[in-house]
PDB file of N, CA and C in Angstrom:
ATOM      1  N   MET A   1      34.103  -3.323  96.395  1.00  0.00           N
ATOM      2  CA  MET A   1      34.812  -3.951  97.432  1.00  0.00           C
ATOM      3  C   MET A   1      35.758  -4.832  96.966  1.00  0.00           C
ATOM      4  N   GLU A   2      35.863  -4.829  97.928  1.00  0.00           N
ATOM      5  CA  GLU A   2      37.216  -5.330  98.415  1.00  0.00           C
ATOM      6  C   GLU A   2      37.455  -6.531  98.701  1.00  0.00           C
ATOM      7  N   PRO A   3      38.884  -6.938  97.575  1.00  0.00           N
ATOM      8  CA  PRO A   3      39.199  -8.393  96.870  1.00  0.00           C
ATOM      9  C   PRO A   3      38.544  -8.951  98.394  1.00  0.00           C
ATOM     10  N   GLY A   4      38.600 -10.628  98.296  1.00  0.00           N
ATOM     11  CA  GLY A   4      38.385 -10.968  99.974  1.00  0.00           C
ATOM     12  C   GLY A   4      36.794 -10.435 100.729  1.00  0.00           C
ATOM     13  N   SER A   5      36.385  -9.804 100.469  1.00  0.00           N
ATOM     14  CA  SER A   5      35.442  -9.242 100.995  1.00  0.00           C
ATOM     15  C   SER A   5      34.164 -10.232 100.728  1.00  0.00           C
ATOM     16  N   GLY A   6      34.130 -10.968  99.931  1.00  0.00           N
ATOM     17  CA  GLY A   6      32.684 -11.407  99.472  1.00  0.00           C
ATOM     18  C   GLY A   6      32.476 -12.397 100.118  1.00  0.00           C
ATOM     19  N   ASP A   7      34.138 -13.194 101.440  1.00  0.00           N
ATOM     20  CA  ASP A   7      33.767 -13.666 101.845  1.00  0.00           C
ATOM     21  C   ASP A   7      33.092 -13.298 103.388  1.00  0.00           C
ATOM     22  N   ARG A   8      33.168 -12.320 103.804  1.00  0.00           N
ATOM     23  CA  ARG A   8      32.421 -11.204 104.733  1.00  0.00           C
ATOM     24  C   ARG A   8      31.195 -11.101 104.337  1.00  0.00           C
ATOM     25  N   ASP A   9      30.492 -11.094 103.390  1.00  0.00           N
ATOM     26  CA  ASP A   9      29.007 -11.007 102.851  1.00  0.00           C
ATOM     27  C   ASP A   9      28.534 -12.914 103.032  1.00  0.00           C
ATOM     28  N   LEU A  10      29.280 -13.009 102.987  1.00  0.00           N
ATOM     29  CA  LEU A  10      28.572 -14.666 102.696  1.00  0.00           C
ATOM     30  C   LEU A  10      28.905 -15.008 104.264  1.00  0.00           C
ATOM     31  N   GLY A  11      29.323 -14.193 105.262  1.00  0.00           N
ATOM     32  CA  GLY A  11      29.473 -15.128 106.953  1.00  0.00           C
ATOM     33  C   GLY A  11      27.858 -15.547 107.846  1.00  0.00           C
ATOM     34  N   HIS A  12      26.340 -14.761 106.727  1.00  0.00           N
ATOM     35  CA  HIS A  12      25.582 -15.017 106.890  1.00  0.00           C
ATOM     36  C   HIS A  12      25.010 -16.151 106.564  1.00  0.00           C
ATOM     37  N   LEU A  13      25.581 -16.445 106.129  1.00  0.00           N
ATOM     38  CA  LEU A  13      25.487 -18.136 105.030  1.00  0.00           C
ATOM     39  C   LEU A  13      26.527 -19.426 106.125  1.00  0.00           C
ATOM     40  N   ASP A  14      27.028 -19.077 107.013  1.00  0.00           N
ATOM     41  CA  ASP A  14      27.903 -20.145 106.532  1.00  0.00           C
ATOM     42  C   ASP A  14      27.315 -21.426 107.398  1.00  0.00           C
ATOM     43  N   PRO A  15      27.967 -23.062 107.018  1.00  0.00           N
ATOM     44  CA  PRO A  15      27.177 -23.783 107.603  1.00  0.00           C
ATOM     45  C   PRO A  15      27.379 -24.176 109.104  1.00  0.00           C
ATOM     46  N   SER A  16      28.576 -23.706 108.729  1.00  0.00           N
ATOM     47  CA  SER A  16      28.747 -24.127 111.133  1.00  0.00           C
ATOM     48  C   SER A  16      28.088 -23.494 111.555  1.00  0.00           C
ATOM     49  N   SER A  17      27.148 -21.959 110.623  1.00  0.00           N
ATOM     50  CA  SER A  17      25.636 -21.549 112.483  1.00  0.00           C
ATOM     51  C   SER A  17      24.759 -22.119 111.895  1.00  0.00           C
ATOM     52  N   THR A  18      24.016 -21.788 112.980  1.00  0.00           N
ATOM     53  CA  THR A  18      22.970 -22.942 113.856  1.00  0.00           C
ATOM     54  C   THR A  18      21.902 -21.963 112.589  1.00  0.00           C
ATOM     55  N   PRO A  19      21.215 -22.641 111.828  1.00  0.00           N
ATOM     56  CA  PRO A  19      19.677 -22.058 110.473  1.00  0.00           C
ATOM     57  C   PRO A  19      18.734 -21.579 111.860  1.00  0.00           C
ATOM     58  N   LYS A  20      17.884 -20.838 110.913  1.00  0.00           N
ATOM     59  CA  LYS A  20      16.998 -20.828 112.057  1.00  0.00           C
ATOM     60  C   LYS A  20      15.938 -21.474 111.399  1.00  0.00           C
ATOM     61  N   THR A  21      15.343 -21.932 110.386  1.00  0.00           N
ATOM     62  CA  THR A  21      15.190 -22.749 109.333  1.00  0.00           C
ATOM     63  C   THR A  21      15.325 -23.582 108.615  1.00  0.00           C
ATOM     64  N   GLU A  22      14.705 -25.106 108.890  1.00  0.00           N
ATOM     65  CA  GLU A  22      14.439 -25.728 107.798  1.00  0.00           C
ATOM     66  C   GLU A  22      15.644 -25.187 106.266  1.00  0.00           C
ATOM     67  N   ALA A  23      14.948 -24.755 105.831  1.00  0.00           N
ATOM     68  CA  ALA A  23      14.871 -24.281 104.191  1.00  0.00           C
ATOM     69  C   ALA A  23      16.706 -23.291 104.909  1.00  0.00           C
ATOM     70  N   GLU A  24      16.844 -22.586 105.565  1.00  0.00           N
ATOM     71  CA  GLU A  24      18.068 -22.351 105.830  1.00  0.00           C
ATOM     72  C   GLU A  24      19.413 -23.360 105.786  1.00  0.00           C
ATOM     73  N   ALA A  25      18.951 -24.614 106.406  1.00  0.00           N
ATOM     74  CA  ALA A  25      19.939 -26.050 106.123  1.00  0.00           C
ATOM     75  C   ALA A  25      20.058 -26.058 105.274  1.00  0.00           C
ATOM     76  N   TYR A  26      19.524 -25.659 103.993  1.00  0.00           N
ATOM     77  CA  TYR A  26      19.395 -26.831 103.323  1.00  0.00           C
ATOM     78  C   TYR A  26      20.330 -26.257 102.280  1.00  0.00           C
ATOM     79  N   THR A  27      19.631 -24.861 102.856  1.00  0.00           N
ATOM     80  CA  THR A  27      20.781 -23.395 100.834  1.00  0.00           C
ATOM     81  C   THR A  27      21.332 -22.617 101.832  1.00  0.00           C
ATOM     82  N   ALA A  28      21.084 -22.992 102.251  1.00  0.00           N
ATOM     83  CA  ALA A  28      22.490 -21.870 102.762  1.00  0.00           C
ATOM     84  C   ALA A  28      24.335 -22.670 102.007  1.00  0.00           C
ATOM     85  N   PRO A  29      23.692 -23.912 103.040  1.00  0.00           N
ATOM     86  CA  PRO A  29      25.783 -24.591 102.136  1.00  0.00           C
ATOM     87  C   PRO A  29      25.353 -24.460 100.180  1.00  0.00           C
ATOM     88  N   LEU A  30      24.115 -24.730 100.083  1.00  0.00           N
ATOM     89  CA  LEU A  30      24.039 -24.590  98.542  1.00  0.00           C
ATOM     90  C   LEU A  30      24.930 -23.520  97.545  1.00  0.00           C
ATOM     91  N   ILE A  31      24.002 -22.487  98.572  1.00  0.00           N
ATOM     92  CA  ILE A  31      24.637 -21.291  98.261  1.00  0.00           C
ATOM     93  C   ILE A  31      25.885 -20.727  98.808  1.00  0.00           C
ATOM     94  N   GLN A  32      26.327 -21.375  99.589  1.00  0.00           N
ATOM     95  CA  GLN A  32      27.944 -21.047  98.978  1.00  0.00           C
ATOM     96  C   GLN A  32      28.554 -21.477  98.553  1.00  0.00           C
ATOM     97  N   LYS A  33      28.173 -23.032  98.207  1.00  0.00           N
ATOM     98  CA  LYS A  33      29.251 -23.648  97.142  1.00  0.00           C
ATOM     99  C   LYS A  33      28.901 -23.756  96.314  1.00  0.00           C
ATOM    100  N   ILE A  34      27.260 -23.508  95.093  1.00  0.00           N
ATOM    101  CA  ILE A  34      27.434 -22.247  94.680  1.00  0.00           C
ATOM    102  C   ILE A  34      28.245 -21.373  93.655  1.00  0.00           C
ATOM    103  N   GLY A  35      28.050 -19.957  95.343  1.00  0.00           N
ATOM    104  CA  GLY A  35      28.470 -19.312  94.658  1.00  0.00           C
ATOM    105  C   GLY A  35      29.803 -18.891  95.140  1.00  0.00           C
ATOM    106  N   ALA A  36      30.803 -19.815  95.570  1.00  0.00           N
ATOM    107  CA  ALA A  36      32.606 -19.870  96.116  1.00  0.00           C
ATOM    108  C   ALA A  36      33.243 -19.778  94.826  1.00  0.00           C
ATOM    109  N   PRO A  37      33.247 -20.876  93.565  1.00  0.00           N
ATOM    110  CA  PRO A  37      33.698 -20.457  92.617  1.00  0.00           C
ATOM    111  C   PRO A  37      33.214 -19.202  91.767  1.00  0.00           C
ATOM    112  N   SER A  38      32.069 -18.788  92.282  1.00  0.00           N
ATOM    113  CA  SER A  38      31.482 -17.514  91.246  1.00  0.00           C
ATOM    114  C   SER A  38      32.975 -16.376  92.055  1.00  0.00           C
ATOM    115  N   ILE A  39      33.164 -16.178  92.657  1.00  0.00           N
ATOM    116  CA  ILE A  39      32.879 -15.196  94.305  1.00  0.00           C
ATOM    117  C   ILE A  39      34.614 -15.086  93.981  1.00  0.00           C
ATOM    118  N   ALA A  40      35.352 -16.517  93.913  1.00  0.00           N
ATOM    119  CA  ALA A  40      36.783 -16.472  93.377  1.00  0.00           C
ATOM    120  C   ALA A  40      37.009 -16.047  92.348  1.00  0.00           C
ATOM    121  N   GLN A  41      36.037 -16.611  91.364  1.00  0.00           N
ATOM    122  CA  GLN A  41      36.560 -15.931  90.008  1.00  0.00           C
ATOM    123  C   GLN A  41      35.684 -14.006  89.867  1.00  0.00           C
ATOM    124  N   ILE A  42      35.255 -13.231  89.752  1.00  0.00           N
ATOM    125  CA  ILE A  42      35.562 -12.374  90.779  1.00  0.00           C
ATOM    126  C   ILE A  42      36.526 -11.814  91.734  1.00  0.00           C
ATOM    127  N   GLU A  43      37.086 -12.422  92.357  1.00  0.00           N
ATOM    128  CA  GLU A  43      37.788 -11.640  92.712  1.00  0.00           C
ATOM    129  C   GLU A  43      39.465 -11.638  91.995  1.00  0.00           C
ATOM    130  N   LYS A  44      39.708 -12.795  91.150  1.00  0.00           N
ATOM    131  CA  LYS A  44      40.685 -12.636  90.637  1.00  0.00           C
ATOM    132  C   LYS A  44      40.256 -11.652  89.587  1.00  0.00           C
ATOM    133  N   LEU A  45      39.613 -10.889  89.050  1.00  0.00           N
ATOM    134  CA  LEU A  45      38.975  -9.890  88.287  1.00  0.00           C
ATOM    135  C   LEU A  45      39.327  -8.864  88.869  1.00  0.00           C
ATOM    136  N   ILE A  46      38.847  -8.466  89.896  1.00  0.00           N
ATOM    137  CA  ILE A  46      39.187  -7.131  90.561  1.00  0.00           C
ATOM    138  C   ILE A  46      40.366  -7.430  90.648  1.00  0.00           C
ATOM    139  N   GLY A  47      41.441  -8.069  90.849  1.00  0.00           N
ATOM    140  CA  GLY A  47      42.548  -8.244  91.018  1.00  0.00           C
ATOM    141  C   GLY A  47      43.555  -8.089  89.810  1.00  0.00           C
ATOM    142  N   GLU A  48      43.596  -8.494  88.814  1.00  0.00           N
ATOM    143  CA  GLU A  48      43.802  -8.365  87.396  1.00  0.00           C
ATOM    144  C   GLU A  48      43.321  -7.367  86.861  1.00  0.00           C
ATOM    145  N   LEU A  49      41.642  -6.511  87.608  1.00  0.00           N
ATOM    146  CA  LEU A  49      41.169  -5.100  86.559  1.00  0.00           C
ATOM    147  C   LEU A  49      42.524  -3.874  87.560  1.00  0.00           C
ATOM    148  N   GLN A  50      43.402  -4.555  88.324  1.00  0.00           N
ATOM    149  CA  GLN A  50      43.481  -3.095  90.114  1.00  0.00           C
ATOM    150  C   GLN A  50      44.753  -3.327  89.475  1.00  0.00           C
ATOM    151  N   GLU A  51      44.991  -4.410  89.006  1.00  0.00           N
ATOM    152  CA  GLU A  51      46.890  -4.544  88.123  1.00  0.00           C
ATOM    153  C   GLU A  51      46.826  -3.657  86.906  1.00  0.00           C
ATOM    154  N   ALA A  52      45.921  -4.085  86.242  1.00  0.00           N
ATOM    155  CA  ALA A  52      46.131  -3.413  84.721  1.00  0.00           C
ATOM    156  C   ALA A  52      45.738  -1.547  85.696  1.00  0.00           C
ATOM    157  N   LYS A  53      44.920  -0.914  86.102  1.00  0.00           N
ATOM    158  CA  LYS A  53      45.066   0.581  86.141  1.00  0.00           C
ATOM    159  C   LYS A  53      46.067   0.725  86.677  1.00  0.00           C
ATOM    160  N   ASN A  54      46.881  -0.405  87.440  1.00  0.00           N
ATOM    161  CA  ASN A  54      48.194   0.400  87.903  1.00  0.00           C
ATOM    162  C   ASN A  54      49.141   0.656  86.787  1.00  0.00           C
ATOM    163  N   LEU A  55      48.903  -0.432  85.667  1.00  0.00           N
ATOM    164  CA  LEU A  55      49.682  -0.232  85.219  1.00  0.00           C
ATOM    165  C   LEU A  55      49.366   0.817  84.672  1.00  0.00           C
ATOM    166  N   LEU A  56      48.210   0.938  84.050  1.00  0.00           N
ATOM    167  CA  LEU A  56      47.357   2.600  83.060  1.00  0.00           C
ATOM    168  C   LEU A  56      48.106   3.382  83.735  1.00  0.00           C
ATOM    169  N   GLU A  57      48.315   3.641  85.060  1.00  0.00           N
ATOM    170  CA  GLU A  57      47.572   4.994  85.662  1.00  0.00           C
ATOM    171  C   GLU A  57      49.668   5.078  85.859  1.00  0.00           C
ATOM    172  N   SER A  58      50.566   4.061  85.872  1.00  0.00           N
ATOM    173  CA  SER A  58      52.013   4.465  85.507  1.00  0.00           C
ATOM    174  C   SER A  58      52.804   4.429  83.745  1.00  0.00           C
ATOM    175  N   GLU A  59      52.025   4.029  83.307  1.00  0.00           N
ATOM    176  CA  GLU A  59      52.714   4.640  81.755  1.00  0.00           C
ATOM    177  C   GLU A  59      51.607   5.954  81.487  1.00  0.00           C
ATOM    178  N   GLY A  60      50.751   6.470  82.288  1.00  0.00           N
ATOM    179  CA  GLY A  60      49.949   7.453  81.784  1.00  0.00           C
ATOM    180  C   GLY A  60      51.386   8.784  82.251  1.00  0.00           C
ATOM    181  N   GLU A  61      51.912   7.934  83.845  1.00  0.00           N
ATOM    182  CA  GLU A  61      52.716   9.232  84.338  1.00  0.00           C
ATOM    183  C   GLU A  61      54.064   9.105  82.851  1.00  0.00           C
ATOM    184  N   ARG A  62      54.534   7.850  82.898  1.00  0.00           N
ATOM    185  CA  ARG A  62      55.858   7.804  82.119  1.00  0.00           C
ATOM    186  C   ARG A  62      55.530   8.777  80.960  1.00  0.00           C
ATOM    187  N   ILE A  63      54.420   8.789  79.900  1.00  0.00           N
ATOM    188  CA  ILE A  63      53.672   9.390  78.812  1.00  0.00           C
ATOM    189  C   ILE A  63      54.060  10.680  78.843  1.00  0.00           C
ATOM    190  N   GLN A  64      53.490  11.385  80.006  1.00  0.00           N
ATOM    191  CA  GLN A  64      53.296  12.945  80.795  1.00  0.00           C
ATOM    192  C   GLN A  64      54.607  13.437  81.000  1.00  0.00           C
ATOM    193  N   ARG A  65      56.041  12.392  81.474  1.00  0.00           N
ATOM    194  CA  ARG A  65      57.420  13.196  81.043  1.00  0.00           C
ATOM    195  C   ARG A  65      57.872  13.221  80.090  1.00  0.00           C
ATOM    196  N   GLU A  66      57.525  12.432  79.301  1.00  0.00           N
ATOM    197  CA  GLU A  66      58.245  12.510  78.317  1.00  0.00           C
ATOM    198  C   GLU A  66      57.607  13.712  77.559  1.00  0.00           C
ATOM    199  N   MET A  67      56.341  13.404  76.957  1.00  0.00           N
ATOM    200  CA  MET A  67      55.971  14.892  76.957  1.00  0.00           C
ATOM    201  C   MET A  67      56.557  15.968  77.092  1.00  0.00           C
ATOM    202  N   VAL A  68      57.214  16.197  78.664  1.00  0.00           N
ATOM    203  CA  VAL A  68      57.553  17.205  79.146  1.00  0.00           C
ATOM    204  C   VAL A  68      59.086  17.494  78.464  1.00  0.00           C
ATOM    205  N   ARG A  69      59.485  16.038  78.744  1.00  0.00           N
ATOM    206  CA  ARG A  69      60.736  16.142  77.562  1.00  0.00           C
ATOM    207  C   ARG A  69      61.069  16.274  76.444  1.00  0.00           C
ATOM    208  N   TYR A  70      60.285  15.890  75.720  1.00  0.00           N
ATOM    209  CA  TYR A  70      60.013  16.960  74.529  1.00  0.00           C
ATOM    210  C   TYR A  70      59.314  18.324  74.321  1.00  0.00           C
ATOM    211  N   VAL A  71      58.335  18.251  74.605  1.00  0.00           N
ATOM    212  CA  VAL A  71      58.253  20.423  74.787  1.00  0.00           C
ATOM    213  C   VAL A  71      59.494  21.410  75.281  1.00  0.00           C
ATOM    214  N   LYS A  72      60.587  20.352  76.579  1.00  0.00           N
ATOM    215  CA  LYS A  72      61.937  20.822  76.763  1.00  0.00           C
ATOM    216  C   LYS A  72      62.361  21.382  75.386  1.00  0.00           C
ATOM    217  N   PHE A  73      62.668  19.933  74.667  1.00  0.00           N
ATOM    218  CA  PHE A  73      63.509  19.458  73.761  1.00  0.00           C
ATOM    219  C   PHE A  73      62.798  20.621  72.397  1.00  0.00           C
ATOM    220  N   VAL A  74      61.635  20.672  72.425  1.00  0.00           N
ATOM    221  CA  VAL A  74      61.747  21.452  71.487  1.00  0.00           C
ATOM    222  C   VAL A  74      61.788  23.227  71.654  1.00  0.00           C
ATOM    223  N   GLN A  75      61.609  23.537  72.540  1.00  0.00           N
ATOM    224  CA  GLN A  75      61.906  25.106  73.159  1.00  0.00           C
ATOM    225  C   GLN A  75      63.809  24.798  72.150  1.00  0.00           C
ATOM    226  N   LEU A  76      64.475  23.840  73.125  1.00  0.00           N
ATOM    227  CA  LEU A  76      65.639  24.611  72.974  1.00  0.00           C
ATOM    228  C   LEU A  76      66.290  24.250  70.960  1.00  0.00           C
ATOM    229  N   ALA A  77      65.586  23.684  70.791  1.00  0.00           N
ATOM    230  CA  ALA A  77      65.933  23.274  68.990  1.00  0.00           C
ATOM    231  C   ALA A  77      65.432  25.062  69.034  1.00  0.00           C
ATOM    232  N   SER A  78      63.942  25.089  68.878  1.00  0.00           N
ATOM    233  CA  SER A  78      63.572  26.138  68.498  1.00  0.00           C
ATOM    234  C   SER A  78      64.689  27.527  68.465  1.00  0.00           C
ATOM    235  N   ALA A  79      65.023  28.175  70.506  1.00  0.00           N
ATOM    236  CA  ALA A  79      65.866  28.504  70.072  1.00  0.00           C
ATOM    237  C   ALA A  79      67.467  28.693  69.736  1.00  0.00           C
ATOM    238  N   SER A  80      67.616  27.190  69.683  1.00  0.00           N
ATOM    239  CA  SER A  80      68.963  26.824  68.566  1.00  0.00           C
ATOM    240  C   SER A  80      68.661  27.117  67.513  1.00  0.00           C
ATOM    241  N   VAL A  81      67.377  27.027  66.190  1.00  0.00           N
ATOM    242  CA  VAL A  81      67.437  27.885  65.399  1.00  0.00           C
ATOM    243  C   VAL A  81      67.337  29.640  65.046  1.00  0.00           C
ATOM    244  N   LYS A  82      66.133  29.378  66.382  1.00  0.00           N
ATOM    245  CA  LYS A  82      66.387  31.191  66.178  1.00  0.00           C
ATOM    246  C   LYS A  82      68.683  31.462  65.759  1.00  0.00           C
ATOM    247  N   ILE A  83      69.320  30.916  67.023  1.00  0.00           N
ATOM    248  CA  ILE A  83      70.401  31.545  67.116  1.00  0.00           C
ATOM    249  C   ILE A  83      70.445  31.522  65.949  1.00  0.00           C
ATOM    250  N   ILE A  84      70.898  30.529  64.772  1.00  0.00           N
ATOM    251  CA  ILE A  84      71.228  30.736  63.944  1.00  0.00           C
ATOM    252  C   ILE A  84      70.595  31.182  62.589  1.00  0.00           C
ATOM    253  N   PHE A  85      69.660  31.124  62.521  1.00  0.00           N
ATOM    254  CA  PHE A  85      68.689  32.016  61.691  1.00  0.00           C
ATOM    255  C   PHE A  85      69.880  33.680  61.609  1.00  0.00           C
ATOM    256  N   GLU A  86      69.664  34.222  63.562  1.00  0.00           N
ATOM    257  CA  GLU A  86      69.996  35.417  63.335  1.00  0.00           C
ATOM    258  C   GLU A  86      72.012  35.574  63.293  1.00  0.00           C
ATOM    259  N   THR A  87      72.767  35.016  63.555  1.00  0.00           N
ATOM    260  CA  THR A  87      73.640  34.303  63.475  1.00  0.00           C
ATOM    261  C   THR A  87      73.831  34.911  61.478  1.00  0.00           C
ATOM    262  N   VAL A  88      73.422  33.978  60.988  1.00  0.00           N
ATOM    263  CA  VAL A  88      73.378  33.495  59.382  1.00  0.00           C
ATOM    264  C   VAL A  88      73.464  35.197  58.950  1.00  0.00           C
ATOM    265  N   SER A  89      71.646  35.715  60.145  1.00  0.00           N
ATOM    266  CA  SER A  89      71.109  37.587  59.034  1.00  0.00           C
ATOM    267  C   SER A  89      71.761  37.799  58.704  1.00  0.00           C
ATOM    268  N   GLU A  90      72.815  37.845  59.758  1.00  0.00           N
ATOM    269  CA  GLU A  90      73.923  39.420  59.999  1.00  0.00           C
ATOM    270  C   GLU A  90      75.552  38.916  59.396  1.00  0.00           C
ATOM    271  N   TRP A  91      75.660  37.642  59.075  1.00  0.00           N
ATOM    272  CA  TRP A  91      76.777  37.257  58.419  1.00  0.00           C
ATOM    273  C   TRP A  91      76.768  37.899  56.752  1.00  0.00           C
ATOM    274  N   ARG A  92      74.594  37.786  56.472  1.00  0.00           N
ATOM    275  CA  ARG A  92      74.377  37.867  55.474  1.00  0.00           C
ATOM    276  C   ARG A  92      74.814  39.379  54.661  1.00  0.00           C
ATOM    277  N   LEU A  93      74.215  40.227  55.742  1.00  0.00           N
ATOM    278  CA  LEU A  93      73.864  41.769  55.674  1.00  0.00           C
ATOM    279  C   LEU A  93      75.415  42.003  55.835  1.00  0.00           C
ATOM    280  N   GLY A  94      76.073  41.626  56.891  1.00  0.00           N
ATOM    281  CA  GLY A  94      78.337  42.255  56.099  1.00  0.00           C
ATOM    282  C   GLY A  94      78.611  41.726  56.119  1.00  0.00           C
ATOM    283  N   HIS A  95      78.182  40.762  54.519  1.00  0.00           N
ATOM    284  CA  HIS A  95      79.649  40.086  53.930  1.00  0.00           C
ATOM    285  C   HIS A  95      80.010  41.311  52.756  1.00  0.00           C
ATOM    286  N   PRO A  96      81.199  41.306  52.862  1.00  0.00           N
ATOM    287  CA  PRO A  96      82.043  41.710  52.486  1.00  0.00           C
ATOM    288  C   PRO A  96      81.654  41.876  50.490  1.00  0.00           C
ATOM    289  N   MET A  97      81.288  41.097  50.309  1.00  0.00           N
ATOM    290  CA  MET A  97      80.850  40.662  48.776  1.00  0.00           C
ATOM    291  C   MET A  97      79.161  41.624  48.858  1.00  0.00           C
ATOM    292  N   ARG A  98      78.318  42.177  49.406  1.00  0.00           N
ATOM    293  CA  ARG A  98      76.716  43.102  49.657  1.00  0.00           C
ATOM    294  C   ARG A  98      77.502  43.952  48.930  1.00  0.00           C
ATOM    295  N   LYS A  99      79.064  44.440  49.400  1.00  0.00           N
ATOM    296  CA  LYS A  99      78.796  46.014  47.950  1.00  0.00           C
ATOM    297  C   LYS A  99      77.857  45.906  46.807  1.00  0.00           C
ATOM    298  N   PHE A 100      79.255  45.057  46.504  1.00  0.00           N
ATOM    299  CA  PHE A 100      79.155  44.807  44.898  1.00  0.00           C
ATOM    300  C   PHE A 100      78.126  44.174  43.960  1.00  0.00           C
ATOM    301  N   VAL A 101      77.133  44.245  45.030  1.00  0.00           N
ATOM    302  CA  VAL A 101      76.343  43.490  44.167  1.00  0.00           C
ATOM    303  C   VAL A 101      74.600  44.616  44.440  1.00  0.00           C
ATOM    304  N   SER A 102      74.502  44.704  43.494  1.00  0.00           N
ATOM    305  CA  SER A 102      73.865  45.684  43.279  1.00  0.00           C
ATOM    306  C   SER A 102      71.852  45.736  43.775  1.00  0.00           C
ATOM    307  N   PRO A 103      71.496  46.158  44.527  1.00  0.00           N
ATOM    308  CA  PRO A 103      69.875  45.247  45.314  1.00  0.00           C
ATOM    309  C   PRO A 103      68.589  45.034  43.953  1.00  0.00           C
ATOM    310  N   ALA A 104      68.757  44.716  42.553  1.00  0.00           N
ATOM    311  CA  ALA A 104      68.054  44.959  41.541  1.00  0.00           C
ATOM    312  C   ALA A 104      68.361  42.974  41.385  1.00  0.00           C
ATOM    313  N   ASN A 105      69.709  42.878  42.215  1.00  0.00           N
ATOM    314  CA  ASN A 105      70.497  41.323  40.718  1.00  0.00           C
ATOM    315  C   ASN A 105      70.381  40.562  42.118  1.00  0.00           C
ATOM    316  N   GLU A 106      69.367  41.267  42.822  1.00  0.00           N
ATOM    317  CA  GLU A 106      69.478  39.885  44.521  1.00  0.00           C
ATOM    318  C   GLU A 106      67.838  39.655  44.884  1.00  0.00           C
ATOM    319  N   SER A 107      67.533  39.059  44.892  1.00  0.00           N
ATOM    320  CA  SER A 107      66.853  37.458  45.285  1.00  0.00           C
ATOM    321  C   SER A 107      65.548  37.897  46.499  1.00  0.00           C
TER     322      SER A 107
END
């Protein structure tokens, strides 16, 4: 239901239109008088729900962007750790003191 459509839905209850029966002449303005505040409240709630929906959608998009950034960061960090590990491993294997350490003394 679109905001403002409530007014169109009650168009057949317009008090300025010619009533078909005496009951319509009495009930149409009464229904419109009673229903108007409720319709206004419903339209206000629909507007608030639409705002909440828009906020949630934009927050969802923001969180997805943050997740993509986080995944890229983790991948870069992992690649950096791998490079550091490989470099340190090469240093350890090629360390000049390596030839003086017996294999039994290594842990």
